[in-house]
Amino acid sequence: MELTASTAGEAGTLNGAGALTIREWPEAERPREKLLARGAHALSDAELLALLLGSGIPGCSAVAMARSLLKDFGCLRELLNARLTRWRRKGIGSARYAAVQAAVELAKRHLLEEMRIGSPLTTPQATYRYLHAQLRDRPYEIFCCLYLDNRHRLIAFEELFRGTVDCAQVHPREVLRQALLHNATSLIVAHNHPSGSLEPSPADDFITRRLKDLLALMDVRLVDHIIVGDSRCYSFAEHGLL
């Protein structure tokens, strides 16, 4: 059988020898060259992951390794959220794991900058994207705050309370204290539902009303309470609940 670039990686994983290295592939099919020529969007998940891994192992290219990891973990989301111990069981060391996690964190910080450039009120979709990236895959509930100035610009983002898989104890007075500490005139609070559900619980309704009333005493406006689910976000403000 004639060995081509598209089958090189798979052949290497099957027989451990005789596979073409990525350097031997046609230039237009090499991940790095493809990215430079056509943009990152032109690469598959495996090709992007291969660039972060840097290199393969004897008889297995970086692309073949990336494809194997994606198959073993089931999807890109599971792979990126896995702990180092799971990566090590797949034969991937701490250096490569650190490179991938650094790329994930850079993506999150890029979303935060997008939100800072506009404002959480004028660019709500940017706010949703950032909160979704921060909170969606946490295995426990996180309650956080976005503190805003009088021009609705972001002052700071903080994770205030960490809970269990189905609840987080929120202390309204601590939320108010932090808002005053940041000299915020308004804020957005958010938390995730590890179950993936977007349905507000009675406790969510209660804490929203409690926070709104307490903050108002100090002329701080509660702009929104956002619940982060598996694929979307739920806004109390958009549903007329604030």
C-alpha atoms as a PDB file:
ATOM      1  CA  MET A   1       0.000   0.000   0.000  1.00  0.00           C
ATOM      2  CA  GLU A   2       1.303   3.437  -0.858  1.00  0.00           C
ATOM      3  CA  LEU A   3       1.706   5.590   2.266  1.00  0.00           C
ATOM      4  CA  THR A   4       0.236   9.092   1.924  1.00  0.00           C
ATOM      5  CA  ALA A   5       0.286  12.088   4.247  1.00  0.00           C
ATOM      6  CA  SER A   6      -3.316  11.474   5.305  1.00  0.00           C
ATOM      7  CA  THR A   7      -2.569   7.885   6.361  1.00  0.00           C
ATOM      8  CA  ALA A   8       0.929   8.419   7.706  1.00  0.00           C
ATOM      9  CA  GLY A   9      -0.052   9.039  11.308  1.00  0.00           C
ATOM     10  CA  GLU A  10      -2.509   6.156  11.485  1.00  0.00           C
ATOM     11  CA  ALA A  11       0.008   3.769   9.991  1.00  0.00           C
ATOM     12  CA  GLY A  12       2.561   4.804  12.575  1.00  0.00           C
ATOM     13  CA  THR A  13       0.188   3.985  15.419  1.00  0.00           C
ATOM     14  CA  LEU A  14      -0.596   0.600  13.902  1.00  0.00           C
ATOM     15  CA  ASN A  15       2.832  -0.741  13.066  1.00  0.00           C
ATOM     16  CA  GLY A  16       5.150   1.592  15.032  1.00  0.00           C
ATOM     17  CA  ALA A  17       7.528   1.961  12.098  1.00  0.00           C
ATOM     18  CA  GLY A  18       7.737   3.252   8.583  1.00  0.00           C
ATOM     19  CA  ALA A  19       5.410   6.200   9.086  1.00  0.00           C
ATOM     20  CA  LEU A  20       6.204   9.512   7.493  1.00  0.00           C
ATOM     21  CA  THR A  21       7.082  12.289   9.900  1.00  0.00           C
ATOM     22  CA  ILE A  22       5.174  15.561   9.557  1.00  0.00           C
ATOM     23  CA  ARG A  23       8.284  17.130   8.026  1.00  0.00           C
ATOM     24  CA  GLU A  24       7.957  14.628   5.192  1.00  0.00           C
ATOM     25  CA  TRP A  25       4.326  15.538   4.481  1.00  0.00           C
ATOM     26  CA  PRO A  26       3.498  17.847   1.569  1.00  0.00           C
ATOM     27  CA  GLU A  27       4.026  21.378   2.846  1.00  0.00           C
ATOM     28  CA  ALA A  28       0.386  22.368   2.299  1.00  0.00           C
ATOM     29  CA  GLU A  29      -0.742  19.567   4.662  1.00  0.00           C
ATOM     30  CA  ARG A  30       1.603  20.338   7.561  1.00  0.00           C
ATOM     31  CA  PRO A  31      -0.366  21.951  10.433  1.00  0.00           C
ATOM     32  CA  ARG A  32       1.996  24.870  11.006  1.00  0.00           C
ATOM     33  CA  GLU A  33       2.318  25.736   7.329  1.00  0.00           C
ATOM     34  CA  LYS A  34      -1.428  25.329   6.818  1.00  0.00           C
ATOM     35  CA  LEU A  35      -2.132  27.729   9.697  1.00  0.00           C
ATOM     36  CA  LEU A  36       0.269  30.325   8.354  1.00  0.00           C
ATOM     37  CA  ALA A  37      -1.119  30.077   4.838  1.00  0.00           C
ATOM     38  CA  ARG A  38      -4.845  29.727   5.518  1.00  0.00           C
ATOM     39  CA  GLY A  39      -5.441  30.759   9.142  1.00  0.00           C
ATOM     40  CA  ALA A  40      -6.073  28.776  12.320  1.00  0.00           C
ATOM     41  CA  HIS A  41      -9.722  28.217  11.365  1.00  0.00           C
ATOM     42  CA  ALA A  42      -8.580  25.922   8.529  1.00  0.00           C
ATOM     43  CA  LEU A  43      -7.110  23.374  10.937  1.00  0.00           C
ATOM     44  CA  SER A  44      -8.942  20.456  12.507  1.00  0.00           C
ATOM     45  CA  ASP A  45      -9.070  19.979  16.281  1.00  0.00           C
ATOM     46  CA  ALA A  46      -6.350  17.346  15.991  1.00  0.00           C
ATOM     47  CA  GLU A  47      -4.094  19.630  13.958  1.00  0.00           C
ATOM     48  CA  LEU A  48      -4.477  22.517  16.420  1.00  0.00           C
ATOM     49  CA  LEU A  49      -3.784  20.191  19.332  1.00  0.00           C
ATOM     50  CA  ALA A  50      -0.751  18.788  17.516  1.00  0.00           C
ATOM     51  CA  LEU A  51       0.758  22.269  17.291  1.00  0.00           C
ATOM     52  CA  LEU A  52       0.439  22.623  21.065  1.00  0.00           C
ATOM     53  CA  LEU A  53       1.877  19.154  21.696  1.00  0.00           C
ATOM     54  CA  GLY A  54       4.858  20.164  19.559  1.00  0.00           C
ATOM     55  CA  SER A  55       6.013  16.730  18.469  1.00  0.00           C
ATOM     56  CA  GLY A  56       5.027  13.116  18.405  1.00  0.00           C
ATOM     57  CA  ILE A  57       6.915  10.002  19.444  1.00  0.00           C
ATOM     58  CA  PRO A  58       8.858   7.526  17.309  1.00  0.00           C
ATOM     59  CA  GLY A  59       6.423   5.958  14.850  1.00  0.00           C
ATOM     60  CA  CYS A  60       3.570   8.334  15.752  1.00  0.00           C
ATOM     61  CA  SER A  61       3.291  11.922  14.533  1.00  0.00           C
ATOM     62  CA  ALA A  62       1.951  14.762  16.680  1.00  0.00           C
ATOM     63  CA  VAL A  63      -1.239  14.759  14.590  1.00  0.00           C
ATOM     64  CA  ALA A  64      -1.726  11.020  15.076  1.00  0.00           C
ATOM     65  CA  MET A  65      -1.124  11.456  18.809  1.00  0.00           C
ATOM     66  CA  ALA A  66      -3.671  14.272  18.942  1.00  0.00           C
ATOM     67  CA  ARG A  67      -6.249  12.170  17.074  1.00  0.00           C
ATOM     68  CA  SER A  68      -5.674   9.318  19.501  1.00  0.00           C
ATOM     69  CA  LEU A  69      -6.129  11.620  22.504  1.00  0.00           C
ATOM     70  CA  LEU A  70      -9.355  13.067  21.124  1.00  0.00           C
ATOM     71  CA  LYS A  71     -10.688   9.573  20.513  1.00  0.00           C
ATOM     72  CA  ASP A  72      -9.692   8.338  23.980  1.00  0.00           C
ATOM     73  CA  PHE A  73     -11.171  11.343  25.802  1.00  0.00           C
ATOM     74  CA  GLY A  74     -14.295  11.333  23.638  1.00  0.00           C
ATOM     75  CA  CYS A  75     -14.327  15.013  22.732  1.00  0.00           C
ATOM     76  CA  LEU A  76     -12.255  18.171  22.843  1.00  0.00           C
ATOM     77  CA  ARG A  77     -14.101  19.489  25.895  1.00  0.00           C
ATOM     78  CA  GLU A  78     -13.294  16.408  27.991  1.00  0.00           C
ATOM     79  CA  LEU A  79      -9.676  16.512  26.888  1.00  0.00           C
ATOM     80  CA  LEU A  80      -9.148  20.172  27.792  1.00  0.00           C
ATOM     81  CA  ASN A  81     -10.835  19.790  31.188  1.00  0.00           C
ATOM     82  CA  ALA A  82      -9.045  16.591  32.189  1.00  0.00           C
ATOM     83  CA  ARG A  83      -6.537  16.668  35.026  1.00  0.00           C
ATOM     84  CA  LEU A  84      -2.860  15.967  34.553  1.00  0.00           C
ATOM     85  CA  THR A  85      -3.225  12.466  36.026  1.00  0.00           C
ATOM     86  CA  ARG A  86      -5.534  11.452  33.164  1.00  0.00           C
ATOM     87  CA  TRP A  87      -3.126  12.870  30.592  1.00  0.00           C
ATOM     88  CA  ARG A  88      -0.270  10.945  32.141  1.00  0.00           C
ATOM     89  CA  ARG A  89      -2.248   7.733  31.816  1.00  0.00           C
ATOM     90  CA  LYS A  90      -2.318   8.470  28.079  1.00  0.00           C
ATOM     91  CA  GLY A  91       1.458   8.887  28.013  1.00  0.00           C
ATOM     92  CA  ILE A  92       1.460  12.712  27.933  1.00  0.00           C
ATOM     93  CA  GLY A  93       3.777  14.489  30.366  1.00  0.00           C
ATOM     94  CA  SER A  94       3.423  17.656  32.383  1.00  0.00           C
ATOM     95  CA  ALA A  95       5.199  19.929  29.865  1.00  0.00           C
ATOM     96  CA  ARG A  96       2.721  19.218  27.061  1.00  0.00           C
ATOM     97  CA  TYR A  97      -0.209  19.355  29.477  1.00  0.00           C
ATOM     98  CA  ALA A  98       1.001  22.756  30.689  1.00  0.00           C
ATOM     99  CA  ALA A  99       1.223  24.060  27.113  1.00  0.00           C
ATOM    100  CA  VAL A 100      -2.379  23.077  26.398  1.00  0.00           C
ATOM    101  CA  GLN A 101      -3.657  24.561  29.658  1.00  0.00           C
ATOM    102  CA  ALA A 102      -1.778  27.791  28.957  1.00  0.00           C
ATOM    103  CA  ALA A 103      -3.552  28.042  25.593  1.00  0.00           C
ATOM    104  CA  VAL A 104      -6.930  27.520  27.287  1.00  0.00           C
ATOM    105  CA  GLU A 105      -6.199  30.243  29.837  1.00  0.00           C
ATOM    106  CA  LEU A 106      -5.076  32.657  27.119  1.00  0.00           C
ATOM    107  CA  ALA A 107      -8.397  32.109  25.347  1.00  0.00           C
ATOM    108  CA  LYS A 108     -10.270  32.984  28.541  1.00  0.00           C
ATOM    109  CA  ARG A 109      -8.208  36.119  29.076  1.00  0.00           C
ATOM    110  CA  HIS A 110      -8.836  37.139  25.481  1.00  0.00           C
ATOM    111  CA  LEU A 111     -12.578  36.979  26.192  1.00  0.00           C
ATOM    112  CA  LEU A 112     -12.060  39.117  29.309  1.00  0.00           C
ATOM    113  CA  GLU A 113     -10.276  41.770  27.228  1.00  0.00           C
ATOM    114  CA  GLU A 114     -13.145  41.746  24.737  1.00  0.00           C
ATOM    115  CA  MET A 115     -15.498  42.517  27.596  1.00  0.00           C
ATOM    116  CA  ARG A 116     -13.272  45.287  28.962  1.00  0.00           C
ATOM    117  CA  ILE A 117     -13.043  47.052  25.593  1.00  0.00           C
ATOM    118  CA  GLY A 118     -16.807  47.472  25.426  1.00  0.00           C
ATOM    119  CA  SER A 119     -18.753  46.983  28.629  1.00  0.00           C
ATOM    120  CA  PRO A 120     -20.825  44.172  30.095  1.00  0.00           C
ATOM    121  CA  LEU A 121     -23.950  46.245  29.385  1.00  0.00           C
ATOM    122  CA  THR A 122     -23.215  47.283  25.802  1.00  0.00           C
ATOM    123  CA  THR A 123     -21.735  43.889  24.842  1.00  0.00           C
ATOM    124  CA  PRO A 124     -23.822  41.314  26.743  1.00  0.00           C
ATOM    125  CA  GLN A 125     -22.859  38.511  24.363  1.00  0.00           C
ATOM    126  CA  ALA A 126     -19.182  39.061  25.211  1.00  0.00           C
ATOM    127  CA  THR A 127     -20.111  38.805  28.883  1.00  0.00           C
ATOM    128  CA  TYR A 128     -21.970  35.547  28.284  1.00  0.00           C
ATOM    129  CA  ARG A 129     -19.044  34.110  26.331  1.00  0.00           C
ATOM    130  CA  TYR A 130     -16.591  34.990  29.086  1.00  0.00           C
ATOM    131  CA  LEU A 131     -18.742  33.613  31.899  1.00  0.00           C
ATOM    132  CA  HIS A 132     -19.467  30.489  29.872  1.00  0.00           C
ATOM    133  CA  ALA A 133     -15.750  29.896  29.333  1.00  0.00           C
ATOM    134  CA  GLN A 134     -14.993  30.496  33.016  1.00  0.00           C
ATOM    135  CA  LEU A 135     -17.794  28.539  34.656  1.00  0.00           C
ATOM    136  CA  ARG A 136     -19.336  25.958  32.336  1.00  0.00           C
ATOM    137  CA  ASP A 137     -17.002  23.078  33.107  1.00  0.00           C
ATOM    138  CA  ARG A 138     -16.534  23.574  36.842  1.00  0.00           C
ATOM    139  CA  PRO A 139     -17.578  20.409  38.730  1.00  0.00           C
ATOM    140  CA  TYR A 140     -18.982  22.511  41.596  1.00  0.00           C
ATOM    141  CA  GLU A 141     -20.979  25.716  41.849  1.00  0.00           C
ATOM    142  CA  ILE A 142     -19.052  28.985  41.689  1.00  0.00           C
ATOM    143  CA  PHE A 143     -20.626  32.339  42.547  1.00  0.00           C
ATOM    144  CA  CYS A 144     -18.835  35.311  41.029  1.00  0.00           C
ATOM    145  CA  CYS A 145     -19.200  39.057  40.523  1.00  0.00           C
ATOM    146  CA  LEU A 146     -18.437  41.519  37.749  1.00  0.00           C
ATOM    147  CA  TYR A 147     -17.886  44.952  39.318  1.00  0.00           C
ATOM    148  CA  LEU A 148     -18.741  47.963  37.126  1.00  0.00           C
ATOM    149  CA  ASP A 149     -17.980  51.672  37.364  1.00  0.00           C
ATOM    150  CA  ASN A 150     -20.409  54.538  36.720  1.00  0.00           C
ATOM    151  CA  ARG A 151     -19.823  54.223  32.963  1.00  0.00           C
ATOM    152  CA  HIS A 152     -20.609  50.503  33.120  1.00  0.00           C
ATOM    153  CA  ARG A 153     -16.996  49.534  32.432  1.00  0.00           C
ATOM    154  CA  LEU A 154     -15.567  46.445  34.065  1.00  0.00           C
ATOM    155  CA  ILE A 155     -13.487  47.135  37.180  1.00  0.00           C
ATOM    156  CA  ALA A 156     -12.839  43.557  38.266  1.00  0.00           C
ATOM    157  CA  PHE A 157     -14.019  39.972  38.079  1.00  0.00           C
ATOM    158  CA  GLU A 158     -13.964  37.873  41.247  1.00  0.00           C
ATOM    159  CA  GLU A 159     -14.979  34.380  42.280  1.00  0.00           C
ATOM    160  CA  LEU A 160     -16.469  34.894  45.726  1.00  0.00           C
ATOM    161  CA  PHE A 161     -17.986  31.593  46.818  1.00  0.00           C
ATOM    162  CA  ARG A 162     -17.373  27.968  45.951  1.00  0.00           C
ATOM    163  CA  GLY A 163     -19.920  25.284  46.734  1.00  0.00           C
ATOM    164  CA  THR A 164     -20.810  21.702  45.930  1.00  0.00           C
ATOM    165  CA  VAL A 165     -22.210  20.055  42.815  1.00  0.00           C
ATOM    166  CA  ASP A 166     -25.644  21.553  43.401  1.00  0.00           C
ATOM    167  CA  CYS A 167     -25.344  24.628  45.629  1.00  0.00           C
ATOM    168  CA  ALA A 168     -23.088  27.426  46.814  1.00  0.00           C
ATOM    169  CA  GLN A 169     -23.691  29.381  49.993  1.00  0.00           C
ATOM    170  CA  VAL A 170     -23.803  33.086  49.164  1.00  0.00           C
ATOM    171  CA  HIS A 171     -23.298  35.784  51.794  1.00  0.00           C
ATOM    172  CA  PRO A 172     -24.942  39.022  50.566  1.00  0.00           C
ATOM    173  CA  ARG A 173     -23.041  41.208  53.017  1.00  0.00           C
ATOM    174  CA  GLU A 174     -19.736  39.963  51.583  1.00  0.00           C
ATOM    175  CA  VAL A 175     -20.948  40.806  48.067  1.00  0.00           C
ATOM    176  CA  LEU A 176     -21.786  44.333  49.252  1.00  0.00           C
ATOM    177  CA  ARG A 177     -18.458  44.672  51.055  1.00  0.00           C
ATOM    178  CA  GLN A 178     -16.527  43.737  47.914  1.00  0.00           C
ATOM    179  CA  ALA A 179     -18.614  46.083  45.775  1.00  0.00           C
ATOM    180  CA  LEU A 180     -17.772  48.988  48.091  1.00  0.00           C
ATOM    181  CA  LEU A 181     -14.123  47.924  48.202  1.00  0.00           C
ATOM    182  CA  HIS A 182     -13.961  48.156  44.398  1.00  0.00           C
ATOM    183  CA  ASN A 183     -15.920  51.426  44.432  1.00  0.00           C
ATOM    184  CA  ALA A 184     -18.431  49.820  42.067  1.00  0.00           C
ATOM    185  CA  THR A 185     -21.674  51.579  41.239  1.00  0.00           C
ATOM    186  CA  SER A 186     -23.263  48.462  39.770  1.00  0.00           C
ATOM    187  CA  LEU A 187     -22.506  44.802  39.401  1.00  0.00           C
ATOM    188  CA  ILE A 188     -23.468  41.588  37.671  1.00  0.00           C
ATOM    189  CA  VAL A 189     -23.498  38.362  39.632  1.00  0.00           C
ATOM    190  CA  ALA A 190     -23.288  34.923  38.081  1.00  0.00           C
ATOM    191  CA  HIS A 191     -23.085  31.291  39.029  1.00  0.00           C
ATOM    192  CA  ASN A 192     -22.993  27.978  37.218  1.00  0.00           C
ATOM    193  CA  HIS A 193     -25.186  24.892  37.352  1.00  0.00           C
ATOM    194  CA  PRO A 194     -22.874  21.857  37.013  1.00  0.00           C
ATOM    195  CA  SER A 195     -25.939  19.820  36.033  1.00  0.00           C
ATOM    196  CA  GLY A 196     -26.162  21.925  32.871  1.00  0.00           C
ATOM    197  CA  SER A 197     -29.695  23.093  33.644  1.00  0.00           C
ATOM    198  CA  LEU A 198     -30.626  26.744  33.108  1.00  0.00           C
ATOM    199  CA  GLU A 199     -33.739  26.675  35.284  1.00  0.00           C
ATOM    200  CA  PRO A 200     -33.407  29.089  38.253  1.00  0.00           C
ATOM    201  CA  SER A 201     -34.024  27.428  41.594  1.00  0.00           C
ATOM    202  CA  PRO A 202     -36.113  28.989  44.387  1.00  0.00           C
ATOM    203  CA  ALA A 203     -32.818  29.697  46.146  1.00  0.00           C
ATOM    204  CA  ASP A 204     -31.567  31.539  43.046  1.00  0.00           C
ATOM    205  CA  ASP A 205     -34.697  33.702  43.044  1.00  0.00           C
ATOM    206  CA  PHE A 206     -34.362  34.434  46.764  1.00  0.00           C
ATOM    207  CA  ILE A 207     -30.684  35.405  46.681  1.00  0.00           C
ATOM    208  CA  THR A 208     -31.297  37.654  43.659  1.00  0.00           C
ATOM    209  CA  ARG A 209     -34.002  39.609  45.471  1.00  0.00           C
ATOM    210  CA  ARG A 210     -31.926  39.723  48.662  1.00  0.00           C
ATOM    211  CA  LEU A 211     -28.868  41.060  46.845  1.00  0.00           C
ATOM    212  CA  LYS A 212     -30.870  43.621  44.903  1.00  0.00           C
ATOM    213  CA  ASP A 213     -32.441  45.037  48.072  1.00  0.00           C
ATOM    214  CA  LEU A 214     -29.223  45.066  50.098  1.00  0.00           C
ATOM    215  CA  LEU A 215     -27.135  46.664  47.352  1.00  0.00           C
ATOM    216  CA  ALA A 216     -29.775  49.321  46.744  1.00  0.00           C
ATOM    217  CA  LEU A 217     -29.345  50.521  50.321  1.00  0.00           C
ATOM    218  CA  MET A 218     -25.840  51.645  49.330  1.00  0.00           C
ATOM    219  CA  ASP A 219     -26.852  52.946  45.878  1.00  0.00           C
ATOM    220  CA  VAL A 220     -25.263  49.987  44.111  1.00  0.00           C
ATOM    221  CA  ARG A 221     -27.371  48.568  41.302  1.00  0.00           C
ATOM    222  CA  LEU A 222     -27.693  44.857  40.632  1.00  0.00           C
ATOM    223  CA  VAL A 223     -27.708  44.821  36.835  1.00  0.00           C
ATOM    224  CA  ASP A 224     -28.177  41.107  36.267  1.00  0.00           C
ATOM    225  CA  HIS A 225     -27.875  37.623  37.684  1.00  0.00           C
ATOM    226  CA  ILE A 226     -26.627  35.153  35.086  1.00  0.00           C
ATOM    227  CA  ILE A 227     -26.830  31.376  35.329  1.00  0.00           C
ATOM    228  CA  VAL A 228     -24.305  29.450  33.255  1.00  0.00           C
ATOM    229  CA  GLY A 229     -25.562  26.124  31.943  1.00  0.00           C
ATOM    230  CA  ASP A 230     -24.111  23.521  29.650  1.00  0.00           C
ATOM    231  CA  SER A 231     -24.563  25.354  26.362  1.00  0.00           C
ATOM    232  CA  ARG A 232     -26.218  28.707  27.143  1.00  0.00           C
ATOM    233  CA  CYS A 233     -26.661  31.376  29.794  1.00  0.00           C
ATOM    234  CA  TYR A 234     -29.847  32.475  31.563  1.00  0.00           C
ATOM    235  CA  SER A 235     -30.276  36.185  32.329  1.00  0.00           C
ATOM    236  CA  PHE A 236     -32.617  37.307  35.107  1.00  0.00           C
ATOM    237  CA  ALA A 237     -32.707  40.787  33.551  1.00  0.00           C
ATOM    238  CA  GLU A 238     -33.686  39.488  30.107  1.00  0.00           C
ATOM    239  CA  HIS A 239     -36.535  37.526  31.691  1.00  0.00           C
ATOM    240  CA  GLY A 240     -37.830  40.600  33.536  1.00  0.00           C
ATOM    241  CA  LEU A 241     -36.907  39.266  36.979  1.00  0.00           C
ATOM    242  CA  LEU A 242     -34.889  42.300  38.098  1.00  0.00           C
END
